[in-house]
């Protein structure tokens, strides 16, 4: 297994990998999400990954999720984005973080 050494600190971090099972369990365990199936939850999450990959801003993505999934709930939308990037498209954490740097709730 390859390990990445963190900026000379001497500790190793295992490489990130997608984990759709953990993603589905996370969104199913949290009240407020009503995906009809695990496959539907994964498909929606992969769609969010696609939006991040093409450069949509954090504000745009949160706005979409608030309309499409969480009925305006900012906290649930943030939770879902976090689960998506942490479990389905870890390689996009950096670009998402960059686009969220100046995010203010309600701003799009």
PDB file of N, CA and C in Angstrom:
ATOM      1  N   UNK A   1       0.839  -1.166   0.000  1.00  0.00           N
ATOM      2  CA  UNK A   1       0.000   0.000   0.000  1.00  0.00           C
ATOM      3  C   UNK A   1       0.893   1.242   0.000  1.00  0.00           C
ATOM      4  N   UNK A   2       0.546   2.217  -0.835  1.00  0.00           N
ATOM      5  CA  UNK A   2       1.279   3.481  -0.867  1.00  0.00           C
ATOM      6  C   UNK A   2       0.819   4.367   0.271  1.00  0.00           C
ATOM      7  N   UNK A   3       1.731   5.091   0.859  1.00  0.00           N
ATOM      8  CA  UNK A   3       1.388   6.032   1.912  1.00  0.00           C
ATOM      9  C   UNK A   3       1.962   7.391   1.564  1.00  0.00           C
ATOM     10  N   UNK A   4       1.204   8.419   1.832  1.00  0.00           N
ATOM     11  CA  UNK A   4       1.673   9.784   1.613  1.00  0.00           C
ATOM     12  C   UNK A   4       2.195  10.333   2.932  1.00  0.00           C
ATOM     13  N   UNK A   5       3.369  10.911   2.897  1.00  0.00           N
ATOM     14  CA  UNK A   5       3.927  11.502   4.115  1.00  0.00           C
ATOM     15  C   UNK A   5       3.526  12.967   4.137  1.00  0.00           C
ATOM     16  N   UNK A   6       2.935  13.390   5.237  1.00  0.00           N
ATOM     17  CA  UNK A   6       2.411  14.745   5.353  1.00  0.00           C
ATOM     18  C   UNK A   6       3.524  15.760   5.567  1.00  0.00           C
ATOM     19  N   UNK A   7       3.740  16.621   4.601  1.00  0.00           N
ATOM     20  CA  UNK A   7       4.618  17.795   4.626  1.00  0.00           C
ATOM     21  C   UNK A   7       5.758  17.727   5.627  1.00  0.00           C
ATOM     22  N   UNK A   8       6.469  16.650   5.619  1.00  0.00           N
ATOM     23  CA  UNK A   8       7.647  16.549   6.469  1.00  0.00           C
ATOM     24  C   UNK A   8       7.354  16.367   7.949  1.00  0.00           C
ATOM     25  N   UNK A   9       6.112  16.108   8.312  1.00  0.00           N
ATOM     26  CA  UNK A   9       5.782  15.947   9.725  1.00  0.00           C
ATOM     27  C   UNK A   9       6.111  14.550  10.228  1.00  0.00           C
ATOM     28  N   UNK A  10       6.406  13.658   9.300  1.00  0.00           N
ATOM     29  CA  UNK A  10       6.817  12.340   9.710  1.00  0.00           C
ATOM     30  C   UNK A  10       5.697  11.336   9.907  1.00  0.00           C
ATOM     31  N   UNK A  11       4.454  11.716   9.723  1.00  0.00           N
ATOM     32  CA  UNK A  11       3.390  10.735   9.867  1.00  0.00           C
ATOM     33  C   UNK A  11       2.798  10.442   8.502  1.00  0.00           C
ATOM     34  N   UNK A  12       2.337   9.239   8.341  1.00  0.00           N
ATOM     35  CA  UNK A  12       1.836   8.783   7.047  1.00  0.00           C
ATOM     36  C   UNK A  12       0.322   8.746   7.051  1.00  0.00           C
ATOM     37  N   UNK A  13      -0.243   9.089   5.899  1.00  0.00           N
ATOM     38  CA  UNK A  13      -1.691   9.078   5.714  1.00  0.00           C
ATOM     39  C   UNK A  13      -1.997   8.108   4.593  1.00  0.00           C
ATOM     40  N   UNK A  14      -2.881   7.133   4.815  1.00  0.00           N
ATOM     41  CA  UNK A  14      -3.223   6.232   3.721  1.00  0.00           C
ATOM     42  C   UNK A  14      -3.911   7.014   2.604  1.00  0.00           C
ATOM     43  N   UNK A  15      -3.739   6.591   1.366  1.00  0.00           N
ATOM     44  CA  UNK A  15      -4.385   7.293   0.270  1.00  0.00           C
ATOM     45  C   UNK A  15      -5.904   7.229   0.404  1.00  0.00           C
ATOM     46  N   UNK A  16      -6.575   8.296   0.004  1.00  0.00           N
ATOM     47  CA  UNK A  16      -8.033   8.349   0.083  1.00  0.00           C
ATOM     48  C   UNK A  16      -8.627   7.469  -1.012  1.00  0.00           C
ATOM     49  N   UNK A  17      -9.798   6.927  -0.742  1.00  0.00           N
ATOM     50  CA  UNK A  17     -10.493   6.117  -1.728  1.00  0.00           C
ATOM     51  C   UNK A  17     -11.997   6.283  -1.556  1.00  0.00           C
ATOM     52  N   UNK A  18     -12.716   6.045  -2.625  1.00  0.00           N
ATOM     53  CA  UNK A  18     -14.168   6.178  -2.582  1.00  0.00           C
ATOM     54  C   UNK A  18     -14.777   5.052  -1.753  1.00  0.00           C
ATOM     55  N   UNK A  19     -15.810   5.389  -1.004  1.00  0.00           N
ATOM     56  CA  UNK A  19     -16.497   4.389  -0.181  1.00  0.00           C
ATOM     57  C   UNK A  19     -18.004   4.630  -0.245  1.00  0.00           C
ATOM     58  N   UNK A  20     -18.655   4.160  -1.315  1.00  0.00           N
ATOM     59  CA  UNK A  20     -20.083   4.391  -1.465  1.00  0.00           C
ATOM     60  C   UNK A  20     -20.934   3.777  -0.356  1.00  0.00           C
ATOM     61  N   UNK A  21     -20.489   2.677   0.241  1.00  0.00           N
ATOM     62  CA  UNK A  21     -21.264   2.048   1.313  1.00  0.00           C
ATOM     63  C   UNK A  21     -21.332   2.974   2.525  1.00  0.00           C
ATOM     64  N   UNK A  22     -20.200   3.540   2.900  1.00  0.00           N
ATOM     65  CA  UNK A  22     -20.193   4.480   4.025  1.00  0.00           C
ATOM     66  C   UNK A  22     -21.054   5.696   3.711  1.00  0.00           C
ATOM     67  N   UNK A  23     -20.980   6.194   2.472  1.00  0.00           N
ATOM     68  CA  UNK A  23     -21.804   7.334   2.056  1.00  0.00           C
ATOM     69  C   UNK A  23     -23.291   7.017   2.227  1.00  0.00           C
ATOM     70  N   UNK A  24     -23.732   5.882   1.702  1.00  0.00           N
ATOM     71  CA  UNK A  24     -25.153   5.517   1.798  1.00  0.00           C
ATOM     72  C   UNK A  24     -25.561   5.360   3.261  1.00  0.00           C
ATOM     73  N   UNK A  25     -24.733   4.704   4.049  1.00  0.00           N
ATOM     74  CA  UNK A  25     -25.057   4.546   5.471  1.00  0.00           C
ATOM     75  C   UNK A  25     -25.152   5.894   6.168  1.00  0.00           C
ATOM     76  N   UNK A  26     -24.277   6.820   5.827  1.00  0.00           N
ATOM     77  CA  UNK A  26     -24.281   8.146   6.455  1.00  0.00           C
ATOM     78  C   UNK A  26     -25.547   8.929   6.129  1.00  0.00           C
ATOM     79  N   UNK A  27     -25.947   8.908   4.862  1.00  0.00           N
ATOM     80  CA  UNK A  27     -27.138   9.683   4.511  1.00  0.00           C
ATOM     81  C   UNK A  27     -28.417   8.979   4.941  1.00  0.00           C
ATOM     82  N   UNK A  28     -28.408   7.657   5.009  1.00  0.00           N
ATOM     83  CA  UNK A  28     -29.596   6.945   5.479  1.00  0.00           C
ATOM     84  C   UNK A  28     -29.778   7.060   6.983  1.00  0.00           C
ATOM     85  N   UNK A  29     -28.679   7.183   7.711  1.00  0.00           N
ATOM     86  CA  UNK A  29     -28.758   7.265   9.176  1.00  0.00           C
ATOM     87  C   UNK A  29     -29.174   8.650   9.655  1.00  0.00           C
ATOM     88  N   UNK A  30     -28.996   9.652   8.845  1.00  0.00           N
ATOM     89  CA  UNK A  30     -29.302  11.023   9.244  1.00  0.00           C
ATOM     90  C   UNK A  30     -30.712  11.389   8.798  1.00  0.00           C
ATOM     91  N   UNK A  31     -31.567  11.821   9.707  1.00  0.00           N
ATOM     92  CA  UNK A  31     -32.918  12.251   9.310  1.00  0.00           C
ATOM     93  C   UNK A  31     -32.860  13.437   8.345  1.00  0.00           C
ATOM     94  N   UNK A  32     -33.787  13.471   7.430  1.00  0.00           N
ATOM     95  CA  UNK A  32     -33.891  14.594   6.511  1.00  0.00           C
ATOM     96  C   UNK A  32     -33.616  14.237   5.066  1.00  0.00           C
ATOM     97  N   UNK A  33     -33.037  13.081   4.833  1.00  0.00           N
ATOM     98  CA  UNK A  33     -32.786  12.645   3.466  1.00  0.00           C
ATOM     99  C   UNK A  33     -33.785  11.556   3.124  1.00  0.00           C
ATOM    100  N   UNK A  34     -34.387  11.668   1.958  1.00  0.00           N
ATOM    101  CA  UNK A  34     -35.411  10.706   1.559  1.00  0.00           C
ATOM    102  C   UNK A  34     -35.118  10.099   0.198  1.00  0.00           C
ATOM    103  N   UNK A  35     -33.883   9.648   0.016  1.00  0.00           N
ATOM    104  CA  UNK A  35     -33.563   8.981  -1.230  1.00  0.00           C
ATOM    105  C   UNK A  35     -34.329   7.669  -1.275  1.00  0.00           C
ATOM    106  N   UNK A  36     -34.929   7.329  -2.426  1.00  0.00           N
ATOM    107  CA  UNK A  36     -35.737   6.114  -2.496  1.00  0.00           C
ATOM    108  C   UNK A  36     -34.931   4.822  -2.363  1.00  0.00           C
ATOM    109  N   UNK A  37     -33.620   4.894  -2.611  1.00  0.00           N
ATOM    110  CA  UNK A  37     -32.784   3.700  -2.499  1.00  0.00           C
ATOM    111  C   UNK A  37     -31.328   4.122  -2.338  1.00  0.00           C
ATOM    112  N   UNK A  38     -30.507   3.170  -1.977  1.00  0.00           N
ATOM    113  CA  UNK A  38     -29.079   3.429  -1.897  1.00  0.00           C
ATOM    114  C   UNK A  38     -28.509   3.812  -3.257  1.00  0.00           C
ATOM    115  N   UNK A  39     -28.991   3.142  -4.294  1.00  0.00           N
ATOM    116  CA  UNK A  39     -28.524   3.470  -5.645  1.00  0.00           C
ATOM    117  C   UNK A  39     -28.884   4.898  -6.025  1.00  0.00           C
ATOM    118  N   UNK A  40     -30.066   5.345  -5.642  1.00  0.00           N
ATOM    119  CA  UNK A  40     -30.471   6.721  -5.931  1.00  0.00           C
ATOM    120  C   UNK A  40     -29.600   7.716  -5.174  1.00  0.00           C
ATOM    121  N   UNK A  41     -29.261   7.394  -3.934  1.00  0.00           N
ATOM    122  CA  UNK A  41     -28.389   8.265  -3.142  1.00  0.00           C
ATOM    123  C   UNK A  41     -27.007   8.352  -3.776  1.00  0.00           C
ATOM    124  N   UNK A  42     -26.482   7.220  -4.225  1.00  0.00           N
ATOM    125  CA  UNK A  42     -25.169   7.218  -4.866  1.00  0.00           C
ATOM    126  C   UNK A  42     -25.214   7.989  -6.182  1.00  0.00           C
ATOM    127  N   UNK A  43     -26.257   7.787  -6.961  1.00  0.00           N
ATOM    128  CA  UNK A  43     -26.382   8.510  -8.233  1.00  0.00           C
ATOM    129  C   UNK A  43     -26.424  10.020  -7.988  1.00  0.00           C
ATOM    130  N   UNK A  44     -27.182  10.444  -6.981  1.00  0.00           N
ATOM    131  CA  UNK A  44     -27.238  11.876  -6.677  1.00  0.00           C
ATOM    132  C   UNK A  44     -25.859  12.365  -6.242  1.00  0.00           C
ATOM    133  N   UNK A  45     -25.201  11.617  -5.375  1.00  0.00           N
ATOM    134  CA  UNK A  45     -23.877  12.003  -4.904  1.00  0.00           C
ATOM    135  C   UNK A  45     -22.873  12.098  -6.033  1.00  0.00           C
ATOM    136  N   UNK A  46     -22.911  11.149  -6.948  1.00  0.00           N
ATOM    137  CA  UNK A  46     -21.990  11.200  -8.091  1.00  0.00           C
ATOM    138  C   UNK A  46     -22.300  12.407  -8.979  1.00  0.00           C
ATOM    139  N   UNK A  47     -23.567  12.796  -9.045  1.00  0.00           N
ATOM    140  CA  UNK A  47     -23.926  14.015  -9.771  1.00  0.00           C
ATOM    141  C   UNK A  47     -23.316  15.247  -9.121  1.00  0.00           C
ATOM    142  N   UNK A  48     -23.297  15.261  -7.786  1.00  0.00           N
ATOM    143  CA  UNK A  48     -22.647  16.370  -7.073  1.00  0.00           C
ATOM    144  C   UNK A  48     -21.156  16.362  -7.392  1.00  0.00           C
ATOM    145  N   UNK A  49     -20.539  15.189  -7.410  1.00  0.00           N
ATOM    146  CA  UNK A  49     -19.121  15.096  -7.783  1.00  0.00           C
ATOM    147  C   UNK A  49     -18.893  15.682  -9.179  1.00  0.00           C
ATOM    148  N   UNK A  50     -19.784  15.359 -10.103  1.00  0.00           N
ATOM    149  CA  UNK A  50     -19.663  15.887 -11.465  1.00  0.00           C
ATOM    150  C   UNK A  50     -19.728  17.411 -11.474  1.00  0.00           C
ATOM    151  N   UNK A  51     -20.619  17.978 -10.671  1.00  0.00           N
ATOM    152  CA  UNK A  51     -20.736  19.437 -10.597  1.00  0.00           C
ATOM    153  C   UNK A  51     -19.454  20.066 -10.068  1.00  0.00           C
ATOM    154  N   UNK A  52     -18.868  19.441  -9.063  1.00  0.00           N
ATOM    155  CA  UNK A  52     -17.608  19.944  -8.513  1.00  0.00           C
ATOM    156  C   UNK A  52     -16.516  19.846  -9.580  1.00  0.00           C
ATOM    157  N   UNK A  53     -16.474  18.721 -10.282  1.00  0.00           N
ATOM    158  CA  UNK A  53     -15.434  18.477 -11.287  1.00  0.00           C
ATOM    159  C   UNK A  53     -15.470  19.485 -12.429  1.00  0.00           C
ATOM    160  N   UNK A  54     -16.661  19.977 -12.772  1.00  0.00           N
ATOM    161  CA  UNK A  54     -16.751  20.948 -13.866  1.00  0.00           C
ATOM    162  C   UNK A  54     -16.623  22.382 -13.383  1.00  0.00           C
ATOM    163  N   UNK A  55     -16.390  22.569 -12.086  1.00  0.00           N
ATOM    164  CA  UNK A  55     -16.104  23.900 -11.571  1.00  0.00           C
ATOM    165  C   UNK A  55     -17.264  24.680 -10.997  1.00  0.00           C
ATOM    166  N   UNK A  56     -18.382  24.024 -10.747  1.00  0.00           N
ATOM    167  CA  UNK A  56     -19.474  24.745 -10.087  1.00  0.00           C
ATOM    168  C   UNK A  56     -19.011  25.153  -8.707  1.00  0.00           C
ATOM    169  N   UNK A  57     -19.438  26.308  -8.270  1.00  0.00           N
ATOM    170  CA  UNK A  57     -18.996  26.812  -6.972  1.00  0.00           C
ATOM    171  C   UNK A  57     -19.722  26.099  -5.828  1.00  0.00           C
ATOM    172  N   UNK A  58     -19.108  26.172  -4.663  1.00  0.00           N
ATOM    173  CA  UNK A  58     -19.713  25.608  -3.459  1.00  0.00           C
ATOM    174  C   UNK A  58     -21.098  26.204  -3.248  1.00  0.00           C
ATOM    175  N   UNK A  59     -21.229  27.507  -3.424  1.00  0.00           N
ATOM    176  CA  UNK A  59     -22.525  28.172  -3.239  1.00  0.00           C
ATOM    177  C   UNK A  59     -23.569  27.621  -4.210  1.00  0.00           C
ATOM    178  N   UNK A  60     -23.182  27.386  -5.462  1.00  0.00           N
ATOM    179  CA  UNK A  60     -24.121  26.838  -6.436  1.00  0.00           C
ATOM    180  C   UNK A  60     -24.530  25.416  -6.066  1.00  0.00           C
ATOM    181  N   UNK A  61     -23.566  24.639  -5.625  1.00  0.00           N
ATOM    182  CA  UNK A  61     -23.852  23.252  -5.262  1.00  0.00           C
ATOM    183  C   UNK A  61     -24.768  23.191  -4.042  1.00  0.00           C
ATOM    184  N   UNK A  62     -24.454  23.977  -3.030  1.00  0.00           N
ATOM    185  CA  UNK A  62     -25.320  24.035  -1.837  1.00  0.00           C
ATOM    186  C   UNK A  62     -26.720  24.489  -2.232  1.00  0.00           C
ATOM    187  N   UNK A  63     -26.801  25.490  -3.091  1.00  0.00           N
ATOM    188  CA  UNK A  63     -28.104  25.974  -3.554  1.00  0.00           C
ATOM    189  C   UNK A  63     -28.902  24.885  -4.244  1.00  0.00           C
ATOM    190  N   UNK A  64     -28.241  24.119  -5.103  1.00  0.00           N
ATOM    191  CA  UNK A  64     -28.916  23.011  -5.788  1.00  0.00           C
ATOM    192  C   UNK A  64     -29.441  21.988  -4.788  1.00  0.00           C
ATOM    193  N   UNK A  65     -28.593  21.602  -3.850  1.00  0.00           N
ATOM    194  CA  UNK A  65     -28.986  20.582  -2.870  1.00  0.00           C
ATOM    195  C   UNK A  65     -30.135  21.072  -2.006  1.00  0.00           C
ATOM    196  N   UNK A  66     -30.109  22.349  -1.630  1.00  0.00           N
ATOM    197  CA  UNK A  66     -31.197  22.897  -0.804  1.00  0.00           C
ATOM    198  C   UNK A  66     -32.527  22.818  -1.542  1.00  0.00           C
ATOM    199  N   UNK A  67     -32.509  23.004  -2.853  1.00  0.00           N
ATOM    200  CA  UNK A  67     -33.736  22.932  -3.643  1.00  0.00           C
ATOM    201  C   UNK A  67     -34.124  21.484  -3.936  1.00  0.00           C
ATOM    202  N   UNK A  68     -33.152  20.672  -4.318  1.00  0.00           N
ATOM    203  CA  UNK A  68     -33.436  19.323  -4.805  1.00  0.00           C
ATOM    204  C   UNK A  68     -33.623  18.280  -3.708  1.00  0.00           C
ATOM    205  N   UNK A  69     -32.981  18.481  -2.544  1.00  0.00           N
ATOM    206  CA  UNK A  69     -32.951  17.405  -1.552  1.00  0.00           C
ATOM    207  C   UNK A  69     -33.391  17.837  -0.159  1.00  0.00           C
ATOM    208  N   UNK A  70     -32.912  18.973   0.319  1.00  0.00           N
ATOM    209  CA  UNK A  70     -33.067  19.276   1.748  1.00  0.00           C
ATOM    210  C   UNK A  70     -34.149  20.296   2.065  1.00  0.00           C
ATOM    211  N   UNK A  71     -34.938  20.681   1.087  1.00  0.00           N
ATOM    212  CA  UNK A  71     -36.054  21.617   1.311  1.00  0.00           C
ATOM    213  C   UNK A  71     -35.594  22.888   2.022  1.00  0.00           C
ATOM    214  N   UNK A  72     -34.455  23.410   1.583  1.00  0.00           N
ATOM    215  CA  UNK A  72     -33.960  24.675   2.110  1.00  0.00           C
ATOM    216  C   UNK A  72     -33.077  24.567   3.337  1.00  0.00           C
ATOM    217  N   UNK A  73     -32.846  23.382   3.836  1.00  0.00           N
ATOM    218  CA  UNK A  73     -32.058  23.207   5.058  1.00  0.00           C
ATOM    219  C   UNK A  73     -30.561  23.297   4.748  1.00  0.00           C
ATOM    220  N   UNK A  74     -29.959  24.401   5.133  1.00  0.00           N
ATOM    221  CA  UNK A  74     -28.533  24.666   4.884  1.00  0.00           C
ATOM    222  C   UNK A  74     -27.635  23.631   5.575  1.00  0.00           C
ATOM    223  N   UNK A  75     -27.947  23.296   6.801  1.00  0.00           N
ATOM    224  CA  UNK A  75     -27.134  22.352   7.555  1.00  0.00           C
ATOM    225  C   UNK A  75     -27.120  20.976   6.893  1.00  0.00           C
ATOM    226  N   UNK A  76     -28.273  20.498   6.471  1.00  0.00           N
ATOM    227  CA  UNK A  76     -28.333  19.205   5.788  1.00  0.00           C
ATOM    228  C   UNK A  76     -27.593  19.247   4.455  1.00  0.00           C
ATOM    229  N   UNK A  77     -27.710  20.359   3.744  1.00  0.00           N
ATOM    230  CA  UNK A  77     -27.007  20.498   2.466  1.00  0.00           C
ATOM    231  C   UNK A  77     -25.496  20.438   2.685  1.00  0.00           C
ATOM    232  N   UNK A  78     -24.998  21.133   3.687  1.00  0.00           N
ATOM    233  CA  UNK A  78     -23.571  21.098   4.010  1.00  0.00           C
ATOM    234  C   UNK A  78     -23.138  19.687   4.398  1.00  0.00           C
ATOM    235  N   UNK A  79     -23.947  19.007   5.184  1.00  0.00           N
ATOM    236  CA  UNK A  79     -23.642  17.640   5.589  1.00  0.00           C
ATOM    237  C   UNK A  79     -23.530  16.740   4.363  1.00  0.00           C
ATOM    238  N   UNK A  80     -24.491  16.860   3.445  1.00  0.00           N
ATOM    239  CA  UNK A  80     -24.492  16.013   2.261  1.00  0.00           C
ATOM    240  C   UNK A  80     -23.256  16.266   1.401  1.00  0.00           C
ATOM    241  N   UNK A  81     -22.901  17.523   1.199  1.00  0.00           N
ATOM    242  CA  UNK A  81     -21.706  17.836   0.414  1.00  0.00           C
ATOM    243  C   UNK A  81     -20.478  17.211   1.074  1.00  0.00           C
ATOM    244  N   UNK A  82     -20.389  17.331   2.375  1.00  0.00           N
ATOM    245  CA  UNK A  82     -19.262  16.742   3.090  1.00  0.00           C
ATOM    246  C   UNK A  82     -19.184  15.243   2.906  1.00  0.00           C
ATOM    247  N   UNK A  83     -20.321  14.571   3.008  1.00  0.00           N
ATOM    248  CA  UNK A  83     -20.343  13.124   2.831  1.00  0.00           C
ATOM    249  C   UNK A  83     -19.965  12.745   1.401  1.00  0.00           C
ATOM    250  N   UNK A  84     -20.477  13.505   0.441  1.00  0.00           N
ATOM    251  CA  UNK A  84     -20.174  13.221  -0.964  1.00  0.00           C
ATOM    252  C   UNK A  84     -18.669  13.291  -1.215  1.00  0.00           C
ATOM    253  N   UNK A  85     -18.035  14.406  -0.843  1.00  0.00           N
ATOM    254  CA  UNK A  85     -16.605  14.531  -1.164  1.00  0.00           C
ATOM    255  C   UNK A  85     -15.743  13.618  -0.309  1.00  0.00           C
ATOM    256  N   UNK A  86     -16.155  13.335   0.903  1.00  0.00           N
ATOM    257  CA  UNK A  86     -15.355  12.464   1.753  1.00  0.00           C
ATOM    258  C   UNK A  86     -15.480  10.994   1.381  1.00  0.00           C
ATOM    259  N   UNK A  87     -16.595  10.601   0.771  1.00  0.00           N
ATOM    260  CA  UNK A  87     -16.816   9.185   0.502  1.00  0.00           C
ATOM    261  C   UNK A  87     -16.910   8.811  -0.975  1.00  0.00           C
ATOM    262  N   UNK A  88     -17.250   9.760  -1.847  1.00  0.00           N
ATOM    263  CA  UNK A  88     -17.426   9.407  -3.257  1.00  0.00           C
ATOM    264  C   UNK A  88     -16.384  10.006  -4.192  1.00  0.00           C
ATOM    265  N   UNK A  89     -15.889  11.183  -3.884  1.00  0.00           N
ATOM    266  CA  UNK A  89     -14.934  11.831  -4.800  1.00  0.00           C
ATOM    267  C   UNK A  89     -13.884  12.607  -4.010  1.00  0.00           C
ATOM    268  N   UNK A  90     -13.112  11.857  -3.265  1.00  0.00           N
ATOM    269  CA  UNK A  90     -12.106  12.455  -2.385  1.00  0.00           C
ATOM    270  C   UNK A  90     -11.095  13.310  -3.140  1.00  0.00           C
ATOM    271  N   UNK A  91     -10.862  12.999  -4.398  1.00  0.00           N
ATOM    272  CA  UNK A  91      -9.912  13.782  -5.185  1.00  0.00           C
ATOM    273  C   UNK A  91     -10.380  15.210  -5.434  1.00  0.00           C
ATOM    274  N   UNK A  92     -11.648  15.483  -5.160  1.00  0.00           N
ATOM    275  CA  UNK A  92     -12.208  16.819  -5.396  1.00  0.00           C
ATOM    276  C   UNK A  92     -12.317  17.657  -4.127  1.00  0.00           C
ATOM    277  N   UNK A  93     -11.794  17.170  -3.018  1.00  0.00           N
ATOM    278  CA  UNK A  93     -11.856  17.936  -1.769  1.00  0.00           C
ATOM    279  C   UNK A  93     -11.162  19.280  -1.928  1.00  0.00           C
ATOM    280  N   UNK A  94      -9.991  19.302  -2.518  1.00  0.00           N
ATOM    281  CA  UNK A  94      -9.240  20.558  -2.685  1.00  0.00           C
ATOM    282  C   UNK A  94      -9.999  21.590  -3.507  1.00  0.00           C
ATOM    283  N   UNK A  95     -10.465  21.229  -4.718  1.00  0.00           N
ATOM    284  CA  UNK A  95     -11.219  22.206  -5.501  1.00  0.00           C
ATOM    285  C   UNK A  95     -12.493  22.681  -4.802  1.00  0.00           C
ATOM    286  N   UNK A  96     -13.180  21.780  -4.116  1.00  0.00           N
ATOM    287  CA  UNK A  96     -14.386  22.198  -3.396  1.00  0.00           C
ATOM    288  C   UNK A  96     -14.017  23.159  -2.270  1.00  0.00           C
ATOM    289  N   UNK A  97     -12.983  22.828  -1.531  1.00  0.00           N
ATOM    290  CA  UNK A  97     -12.529  23.688  -0.433  1.00  0.00           C
ATOM    291  C   UNK A  97     -12.157  25.075  -0.968  1.00  0.00           C
ATOM    292  N   UNK A  98     -11.475  25.112  -2.105  1.00  0.00           N
ATOM    293  CA  UNK A  98     -11.099  26.403  -2.700  1.00  0.00           C
ATOM    294  C   UNK A  98     -12.334  27.222  -3.061  1.00  0.00           C
ATOM    295  N   UNK A  99     -13.354  26.574  -3.625  1.00  0.00           N
ATOM    296  CA  UNK A  99     -14.549  27.318  -4.034  1.00  0.00           C
ATOM    297  C   UNK A  99     -15.399  27.746  -2.841  1.00  0.00           C
ATOM    298  N   UNK A 100     -15.181  27.108  -1.689  1.00  0.00           N
ATOM    299  CA  UNK A 100     -15.954  27.442  -0.488  1.00  0.00           C
ATOM    300  C   UNK A 100     -15.271  28.491   0.385  1.00  0.00           C
ATOM    301  N   UNK A 101     -14.076  28.912   0.008  1.00  0.00           N
ATOM    302  CA  UNK A 101     -13.272  29.790   0.864  1.00  0.00           C
ATOM    303  C   UNK A 101     -14.011  31.043   1.310  1.00  0.00           C
ATOM    304  N   UNK A 102     -14.766  31.645   0.442  1.00  0.00           N
ATOM    305  CA  UNK A 102     -15.479  32.880   0.785  1.00  0.00           C
ATOM    306  C   UNK A 102     -16.985  32.697   0.858  1.00  0.00           C
ATOM    307  N   UNK A 103     -17.424  31.457   1.013  1.00  0.00           N
ATOM    308  CA  UNK A 103     -18.857  31.172   1.050  1.00  0.00           C
ATOM    309  C   UNK A 103     -19.523  31.768   2.270  1.00  0.00           C
ATOM    310  N   UNK A 104     -20.660  32.352   2.056  1.00  0.00           N
ATOM    311  CA  UNK A 104     -21.513  32.858   3.142  1.00  0.00           C
ATOM    312  C   UNK A 104     -22.890  32.279   2.929  1.00  0.00           C
ATOM    313  N   UNK A 105     -23.495  31.668   3.949  1.00  0.00           N
ATOM    314  CA  UNK A 105     -24.824  31.081   3.784  1.00  0.00           C
ATOM    315  C   UNK A 105     -25.797  32.065   3.152  1.00  0.00           C
ATOM    316  N   UNK A 106     -26.564  31.527   2.221  1.00  0.00           N
ATOM    317  CA  UNK A 106     -27.555  32.344   1.540  1.00  0.00           C
ATOM    318  C   UNK A 106     -27.017  33.079   0.319  1.00  0.00           C
ATOM    319  N   UNK A 107     -25.697  33.130   0.154  1.00  0.00           N
ATOM    320  CA  UNK A 107     -25.088  33.808  -0.991  1.00  0.00           C
ATOM    321  C   UNK A 107     -24.913  32.816  -2.121  1.00  0.00           C
ATOM    322  N   UNK A 108     -25.230  33.199  -3.319  1.00  0.00           N
ATOM    323  CA  UNK A 108     -25.010  32.341  -4.486  1.00  0.00           C
ATOM    324  C   UNK A 108     -24.528  33.211  -5.567  1.00  0.00           C
TER     325      UNK A 108
END
